[in-house]
Amino acid sequence: MEVSVLFSGGKDSSLAAVILSALPYFSKKSREGSTFFEVELVTCSFGVLSNWKQAEKVAKKLGFPFRVLKLKKEILNEAARQVIKDGFPNNGIKYIHQKALEAVAKKSEIIADGIRRDDRVPVLSLAEIRRLEDKFDVHYIQPLMGYSRKTIDLLVKQFFIVKEYKSTSFFKGAEYEFELREIIRKGYGIRKIKEIFPKNHSHSIVKEVKSRG
């Protein structure tokens, strides 16, 4: 059974993919009674940046199939309007994440992401998750939800060599934030970016894969 994992190339979504690939489930079609999930990595893009290429590089190292899902730019524009209105990025990023999950759910029976227990953004409420699953008749899995940041960092060290970087650095990962920042920069200027987005927020990118065993 295939599971489509929203993927940025960072340590959380990479770890979620590895965990799912090793997770057995019961299958009536399988002679042995169980098999493993077939992981597909999906990176969403609005075409504003080509940062999806960073995720593609990591996907090749992990050895999972990869595809880019183009989202409507109207979603990004609406998220930007929300961010400008709020004066902080949380709701805008969550809005993009919801729309990304919905887009993937249209063609997948099982979807997943790298949301963890300590995350505040872009976490969906239980009611929002139920609406998503009911509307699209999909299973939504959050394989890292039971893990703390501390535990995830411990697991990540077993599998990957990771590089950490700030949102303000030259490097652009495949997270939603970077295209959101770019569209706001174009519309409102760099000063608005500095006012709205946290200065010390960090991201990660998987540089090497140690083991898949």
C-alpha atoms as a PDB file:
ATOM      1  CA  MET A   1       0.000   0.000   0.000  1.00  0.00           C
ATOM      2  CA  GLU A   2       1.360   3.391  -1.004  1.00  0.00           C
ATOM      3  CA  VAL A   3       1.624   6.355   1.351  1.00  0.00           C
ATOM      4  CA  SER A   4       2.295   9.867   0.059  1.00  0.00           C
ATOM      5  CA  VAL A   5       4.494  11.830   2.466  1.00  0.00           C
ATOM      6  CA  LEU A   6       4.657  15.620   2.312  1.00  0.00           C
ATOM      7  CA  PHE A   7       8.383  16.173   2.029  1.00  0.00           C
ATOM      8  CA  SER A   8      10.779  19.091   2.467  1.00  0.00           C
ATOM      9  CA  GLY A   9      14.085  17.237   2.615  1.00  0.00           C
ATOM     10  CA  GLY A  10      14.482  18.133   6.282  1.00  0.00           C
ATOM     11  CA  LYS A  11      15.071  15.740   9.145  1.00  0.00           C
ATOM     12  CA  ASP A  12      11.440  15.456  10.274  1.00  0.00           C
ATOM     13  CA  SER A  13       9.849  14.534   6.957  1.00  0.00           C
ATOM     14  CA  SER A  14      12.836  12.300   6.113  1.00  0.00           C
ATOM     15  CA  LEU A  15      12.520  10.435   9.409  1.00  0.00           C
ATOM     16  CA  ALA A  16       8.755  10.092   8.936  1.00  0.00           C
ATOM     17  CA  ALA A  17       9.344   8.518   5.524  1.00  0.00           C
ATOM     18  CA  VAL A  18      11.912   6.032   6.879  1.00  0.00           C
ATOM     19  CA  ILE A  19       9.650   5.027   9.771  1.00  0.00           C
ATOM     20  CA  LEU A  20       6.693   4.460   7.447  1.00  0.00           C
ATOM     21  CA  SER A  21       8.798   2.404   5.042  1.00  0.00           C
ATOM     22  CA  ALA A  22       9.549  -0.013   7.888  1.00  0.00           C
ATOM     23  CA  LEU A  23       5.987  -0.143   9.235  1.00  0.00           C
ATOM     24  CA  PRO A  24       4.112  -3.381   8.482  1.00  0.00           C
ATOM     25  CA  TYR A  25       0.369  -3.547   7.974  1.00  0.00           C
ATOM     26  CA  PHE A  26      -2.006  -6.464   7.472  1.00  0.00           C
ATOM     27  CA  SER A  27      -2.977  -7.172   3.889  1.00  0.00           C
ATOM     28  CA  LYS A  28      -5.517  -9.759   2.730  1.00  0.00           C
ATOM     29  CA  LYS A  29      -3.695  -9.907  -0.608  1.00  0.00           C
ATOM     30  CA  SER A  30      -0.391 -10.819   1.011  1.00  0.00           C
ATOM     31  CA  ARG A  31       0.362 -14.503   1.504  1.00  0.00           C
ATOM     32  CA  GLU A  32       2.479 -13.685   4.535  1.00  0.00           C
ATOM     33  CA  GLY A  33      -0.346 -11.697   6.107  1.00  0.00           C
ATOM     34  CA  SER A  34       1.561  -8.401   6.255  1.00  0.00           C
ATOM     35  CA  THR A  35       3.641  -6.138   4.055  1.00  0.00           C
ATOM     36  CA  PHE A  36       5.264  -2.699   4.278  1.00  0.00           C
ATOM     37  CA  PHE A  37       4.145   0.719   3.173  1.00  0.00           C
ATOM     38  CA  GLU A  38       5.482   1.890  -0.168  1.00  0.00           C
ATOM     39  CA  VAL A  39       6.614   5.458   0.428  1.00  0.00           C
ATOM     40  CA  GLU A  40       6.227   8.217  -2.150  1.00  0.00           C
ATOM     41  CA  LEU A  41       7.704  11.627  -1.341  1.00  0.00           C
ATOM     42  CA  VAL A  42       5.706  14.674  -2.453  1.00  0.00           C
ATOM     43  CA  THR A  43       7.003  18.236  -2.397  1.00  0.00           C
ATOM     44  CA  CYS A  44       4.524  21.024  -3.064  1.00  0.00           C
ATOM     45  CA  SER A  45       5.578  24.082  -5.030  1.00  0.00           C
ATOM     46  CA  PHE A  46       3.977  27.271  -6.301  1.00  0.00           C
ATOM     47  CA  GLY A  47       6.657  27.853  -8.921  1.00  0.00           C
ATOM     48  CA  VAL A  48       7.915  31.022  -7.221  1.00  0.00           C
ATOM     49  CA  LEU A  49      11.226  29.353  -6.334  1.00  0.00           C
ATOM     50  CA  SER A  50      12.947  26.205  -7.520  1.00  0.00           C
ATOM     51  CA  ASN A  51      13.724  25.165  -3.943  1.00  0.00           C
ATOM     52  CA  TRP A  52      11.908  21.859  -4.521  1.00  0.00           C
ATOM     53  CA  LYS A  53      15.178  20.707  -6.103  1.00  0.00           C
ATOM     54  CA  GLN A  54      16.708  20.511  -2.608  1.00  0.00           C
ATOM     55  CA  ALA A  55      14.042  17.992  -1.609  1.00  0.00           C
ATOM     56  CA  GLU A  56      14.585  16.026  -4.803  1.00  0.00           C
ATOM     57  CA  LYS A  57      18.291  15.601  -3.966  1.00  0.00           C
ATOM     58  CA  VAL A  58      17.459  14.231  -0.525  1.00  0.00           C
ATOM     59  CA  ALA A  59      14.786  11.919  -1.958  1.00  0.00           C
ATOM     60  CA  LYS A  60      17.394  10.341  -4.237  1.00  0.00           C
ATOM     61  CA  LYS A  61      19.659   9.715  -1.248  1.00  0.00           C
ATOM     62  CA  LEU A  62      16.795   8.114   0.655  1.00  0.00           C
ATOM     63  CA  GLY A  63      15.880   5.970  -2.335  1.00  0.00           C
ATOM     64  CA  PHE A  64      12.163   6.801  -2.412  1.00  0.00           C
ATOM     65  CA  PRO A  65      10.089   7.851  -5.445  1.00  0.00           C
ATOM     66  CA  PHE A  66       9.681  11.616  -5.623  1.00  0.00           C
ATOM     67  CA  ARG A  67       7.337  14.041  -7.335  1.00  0.00           C
ATOM     68  CA  VAL A  68       6.580  17.736  -7.280  1.00  0.00           C
ATOM     69  CA  LEU A  69       2.955  18.781  -6.873  1.00  0.00           C
ATOM     70  CA  LYS A  70       2.217  22.233  -8.285  1.00  0.00           C
ATOM     71  CA  LEU A  71      -0.228  24.188  -6.144  1.00  0.00           C
ATOM     72  CA  LYS A  72      -2.280  27.156  -7.310  1.00  0.00           C
ATOM     73  CA  LYS A  73      -0.580  30.470  -6.690  1.00  0.00           C
ATOM     74  CA  GLU A  74      -3.860  31.797  -5.295  1.00  0.00           C
ATOM     75  CA  ILE A  75      -3.190  29.658  -2.210  1.00  0.00           C
ATOM     76  CA  LEU A  76       0.153  31.358  -1.667  1.00  0.00           C
ATOM     77  CA  ASN A  77      -1.356  34.803  -2.207  1.00  0.00           C
ATOM     78  CA  GLU A  78      -4.112  34.100   0.317  1.00  0.00           C
ATOM     79  CA  ALA A  79      -1.540  32.847   2.843  1.00  0.00           C
ATOM     80  CA  ALA A  80       0.490  36.023   2.312  1.00  0.00           C
ATOM     81  CA  ARG A  81      -2.598  38.171   2.919  1.00  0.00           C
ATOM     82  CA  GLN A  82      -3.243  36.270   6.133  1.00  0.00           C
ATOM     83  CA  VAL A  83       0.347  36.764   7.287  1.00  0.00           C
ATOM     84  CA  ILE A  84       0.255  40.497   6.590  1.00  0.00           C
ATOM     85  CA  LYS A  85      -3.076  40.798   8.415  1.00  0.00           C
ATOM     86  CA  ASP A  86      -1.890  38.831  11.463  1.00  0.00           C
ATOM     87  CA  GLY A  87       1.616  40.241  11.619  1.00  0.00           C
ATOM     88  CA  PHE A  88       3.035  36.731  12.122  1.00  0.00           C
ATOM     89  CA  PRO A  89       3.372  33.687   9.818  1.00  0.00           C
ATOM     90  CA  ASN A  90       1.705  30.854  11.759  1.00  0.00           C
ATOM     91  CA  ASN A  91      -1.798  30.915  10.281  1.00  0.00           C
ATOM     92  CA  GLY A  92      -0.523  31.487   6.758  1.00  0.00           C
ATOM     93  CA  ILE A  93       1.804  28.496   6.936  1.00  0.00           C
ATOM     94  CA  LYS A  94      -0.954  26.330   8.397  1.00  0.00           C
ATOM     95  CA  TYR A  95      -3.287  27.395   5.578  1.00  0.00           C
ATOM     96  CA  ILE A  96      -0.740  26.295   2.981  1.00  0.00           C
ATOM     97  CA  HIS A  97      -0.223  22.982   4.787  1.00  0.00           C
ATOM     98  CA  GLN A  98      -3.952  22.267   4.815  1.00  0.00           C
ATOM     99  CA  LYS A  99      -4.224  22.991   1.110  1.00  0.00           C
ATOM    100  CA  ALA A 100      -1.176  20.829   0.406  1.00  0.00           C
ATOM    101  CA  LEU A 101      -2.690  17.909   2.329  1.00  0.00           C
ATOM    102  CA  GLU A 102      -5.951  18.337   0.437  1.00  0.00           C
ATOM    103  CA  ALA A 103      -4.153  18.407  -2.922  1.00  0.00           C
ATOM    104  CA  VAL A 104      -2.240  15.214  -2.152  1.00  0.00           C
ATOM    105  CA  ALA A 105      -5.366  13.555  -0.731  1.00  0.00           C
ATOM    106  CA  LYS A 106      -7.194  13.925  -4.049  1.00  0.00           C
ATOM    107  CA  LYS A 107      -5.053  11.172  -5.591  1.00  0.00           C
ATOM    108  CA  SER A 108      -3.797   9.219  -2.560  1.00  0.00           C
ATOM    109  CA  GLU A 109      -5.507   6.844  -0.175  1.00  0.00           C
ATOM    110  CA  ILE A 110      -2.965   7.436   2.588  1.00  0.00           C
ATOM    111  CA  ILE A 111      -1.141  10.700   3.283  1.00  0.00           C
ATOM    112  CA  ALA A 112       1.442  11.606   5.921  1.00  0.00           C
ATOM    113  CA  ASP A 113       3.770  14.354   7.064  1.00  0.00           C
ATOM    114  CA  GLY A 114       6.568  15.052   9.536  1.00  0.00           C
ATOM    115  CA  ILE A 115       4.509  16.850  12.180  1.00  0.00           C
ATOM    116  CA  ARG A 116       5.849  16.030  15.653  1.00  0.00           C
ATOM    117  CA  ARG A 117       4.527  16.262  19.202  1.00  0.00           C
ATOM    118  CA  ASP A 118       6.244  19.571  20.036  1.00  0.00           C
ATOM    119  CA  ASP A 119       5.128  21.369  16.872  1.00  0.00           C
ATOM    120  CA  ARG A 120       2.699  24.272  17.076  1.00  0.00           C
ATOM    121  CA  VAL A 121       2.687  25.049  13.355  1.00  0.00           C
ATOM    122  CA  PRO A 122       1.278  23.775  11.039  1.00  0.00           C
ATOM    123  CA  VAL A 123      -0.570  21.337  13.327  1.00  0.00           C
ATOM    124  CA  LEU A 124      -4.199  20.551  12.442  1.00  0.00           C
ATOM    125  CA  SER A 125      -6.815  20.184  15.158  1.00  0.00           C
ATOM    126  CA  LEU A 126      -8.574  16.849  15.627  1.00  0.00           C
ATOM    127  CA  ALA A 127     -11.720  18.315  14.065  1.00  0.00           C
ATOM    128  CA  GLU A 128      -9.740  19.514  11.037  1.00  0.00           C
ATOM    129  CA  ILE A 129      -8.133  16.091  10.635  1.00  0.00           C
ATOM    130  CA  ARG A 130     -11.514  14.368  10.729  1.00  0.00           C
ATOM    131  CA  ARG A 131     -12.917  16.767   8.130  1.00  0.00           C
ATOM    132  CA  LEU A 132      -9.929  16.117   5.881  1.00  0.00           C
ATOM    133  CA  GLU A 133     -10.259  12.335   6.169  1.00  0.00           C
ATOM    134  CA  ASP A 134     -14.032  12.371   5.682  1.00  0.00           C
ATOM    135  CA  LYS A 135     -14.067  14.817   2.772  1.00  0.00           C
ATOM    136  CA  PHE A 136     -11.394  13.002   0.747  1.00  0.00           C
ATOM    137  CA  ASP A 137     -11.916   9.477   2.109  1.00  0.00           C
ATOM    138  CA  VAL A 138      -8.242   9.374   3.030  1.00  0.00           C
ATOM    139  CA  HIS A 139      -6.101   8.114   5.908  1.00  0.00           C
ATOM    140  CA  TYR A 140      -3.899  10.824   7.446  1.00  0.00           C
ATOM    141  CA  ILE A 141      -0.873   9.528   9.361  1.00  0.00           C
ATOM    142  CA  GLN A 142       1.471  11.522  11.611  1.00  0.00           C
ATOM    143  CA  PRO A 143       4.235   9.015  12.415  1.00  0.00           C
ATOM    144  CA  LEU A 144       6.248  11.466  14.556  1.00  0.00           C
ATOM    145  CA  MET A 145       3.357  12.768  16.660  1.00  0.00           C
ATOM    146  CA  GLY A 146       4.322  10.575  19.623  1.00  0.00           C
ATOM    147  CA  TYR A 147       7.939  11.776  19.654  1.00  0.00           C
ATOM    148  CA  SER A 148       9.453  14.819  21.350  1.00  0.00           C
ATOM    149  CA  ARG A 149      12.103  16.995  19.687  1.00  0.00           C
ATOM    150  CA  LYS A 150      14.716  15.406  21.941  1.00  0.00           C
ATOM    151  CA  THR A 151      13.762  11.871  20.912  1.00  0.00           C
ATOM    152  CA  ILE A 152      13.545  12.759  17.232  1.00  0.00           C
ATOM    153  CA  ASP A 153      17.040  14.262  17.338  1.00  0.00           C
ATOM    154  CA  LEU A 154      18.271  10.992  18.842  1.00  0.00           C
ATOM    155  CA  LEU A 155      16.647   8.961  16.059  1.00  0.00           C
ATOM    156  CA  VAL A 156      17.857  11.326  13.356  1.00  0.00           C
ATOM    157  CA  LYS A 157      21.460  10.783  14.458  1.00  0.00           C
ATOM    158  CA  GLN A 158      21.037   7.062  13.768  1.00  0.00           C
ATOM    159  CA  PHE A 159      19.978   7.609  10.174  1.00  0.00           C
ATOM    160  CA  PHE A 160      21.200  10.934   8.814  1.00  0.00           C
ATOM    161  CA  ILE A 161      23.880  13.580   8.733  1.00  0.00           C
ATOM    162  CA  VAL A 162      21.952  16.828   8.908  1.00  0.00           C
ATOM    163  CA  LYS A 163      22.794  20.473   8.300  1.00  0.00           C
ATOM    164  CA  GLU A 164      20.926  23.132  10.276  1.00  0.00           C
ATOM    165  CA  TYR A 165      20.433  26.613   8.829  1.00  0.00           C
ATOM    166  CA  LYS A 166      18.520  29.800   9.587  1.00  0.00           C
ATOM    167  CA  SER A 167      15.554  31.070   7.583  1.00  0.00           C
ATOM    168  CA  THR A 168      17.566  34.188   6.825  1.00  0.00           C
ATOM    169  CA  SER A 169      20.467  32.287   5.258  1.00  0.00           C
ATOM    170  CA  PHE A 170      21.201  32.222   1.537  1.00  0.00           C
ATOM    171  CA  PHE A 171      20.250  28.537   1.364  1.00  0.00           C
ATOM    172  CA  LYS A 172      16.572  27.873   0.577  1.00  0.00           C
ATOM    173  CA  GLY A 173      15.016  24.584   1.642  1.00  0.00           C
ATOM    174  CA  ALA A 174      11.751  23.197   0.291  1.00  0.00           C
ATOM    175  CA  GLU A 175       9.565  24.312   3.222  1.00  0.00           C
ATOM    176  CA  TYR A 176       6.487  26.424   2.477  1.00  0.00           C
ATOM    177  CA  GLU A 177       8.013  29.334   4.361  1.00  0.00           C
ATOM    178  CA  PHE A 178      10.518  30.216   1.666  1.00  0.00           C
ATOM    179  CA  GLU A 179       8.060  30.770  -1.156  1.00  0.00           C
ATOM    180  CA  LEU A 180       5.795  32.593   1.301  1.00  0.00           C
ATOM    181  CA  ARG A 181       8.666  34.878   2.302  1.00  0.00           C
ATOM    182  CA  GLU A 182       9.516  35.493  -1.338  1.00  0.00           C
ATOM    183  CA  ILE A 183       5.988  36.502  -2.354  1.00  0.00           C
ATOM    184  CA  ILE A 184       5.772  38.872   0.642  1.00  0.00           C
ATOM    185  CA  ARG A 185       9.203  40.319  -0.166  1.00  0.00           C
ATOM    186  CA  LYS A 186       8.101  41.036  -3.728  1.00  0.00           C
ATOM    187  CA  GLY A 187       4.858  42.641  -2.621  1.00  0.00           C
ATOM    188  CA  TYR A 188       5.865  44.461   0.555  1.00  0.00           C
ATOM    189  CA  GLY A 189       9.647  44.606   0.670  1.00  0.00           C
ATOM    190  CA  ILE A 190      12.397  43.049   2.760  1.00  0.00           C
ATOM    191  CA  ARG A 191      11.554  45.228   5.776  1.00  0.00           C
ATOM    192  CA  LYS A 192       8.155  43.520   6.130  1.00  0.00           C
ATOM    193  CA  ILE A 193       9.889  40.115   6.115  1.00  0.00           C
ATOM    194  CA  LYS A 194      12.112  41.226   8.979  1.00  0.00           C
ATOM    195  CA  GLU A 195       9.104  42.513  10.909  1.00  0.00           C
ATOM    196  CA  ILE A 196       6.991  39.380  10.550  1.00  0.00           C
ATOM    197  CA  PHE A 197       9.239  36.316  10.492  1.00  0.00           C
ATOM    198  CA  PRO A 198      11.285  35.175  13.532  1.00  0.00           C
ATOM    199  CA  LYS A 199      14.985  35.972  13.151  1.00  0.00           C
ATOM    200  CA  ASN A 200      16.311  32.819  14.811  1.00  0.00           C
ATOM    201  CA  HIS A 201      13.983  30.218  13.292  1.00  0.00           C
ATOM    202  CA  SER A 202      15.999  27.273  11.984  1.00  0.00           C
ATOM    203  CA  HIS A 203      15.447  24.551   9.393  1.00  0.00           C
ATOM    204  CA  SER A 204      17.321  21.402   8.461  1.00  0.00           C
ATOM    205  CA  ILE A 205      18.364  19.528   5.344  1.00  0.00           C
ATOM    206  CA  VAL A 206      19.549  15.919   5.177  1.00  0.00           C
ATOM    207  CA  LYS A 207      23.058  15.850   3.698  1.00  0.00           C
ATOM    208  CA  GLU A 208      23.843  12.141   3.991  1.00  0.00           C
ATOM    209  CA  VAL A 209      21.991   8.943   4.815  1.00  0.00           C
ATOM    210  CA  LYS A 210      23.815   6.695   7.274  1.00  0.00           C
ATOM    211  CA  SER A 211      21.541   3.688   7.280  1.00  0.00           C
ATOM    212  CA  ARG A 212      18.175   2.427   6.165  1.00  0.00           C
ATOM    213  CA  GLY A 213      18.477  -0.791   8.138  1.00  0.00           C
END
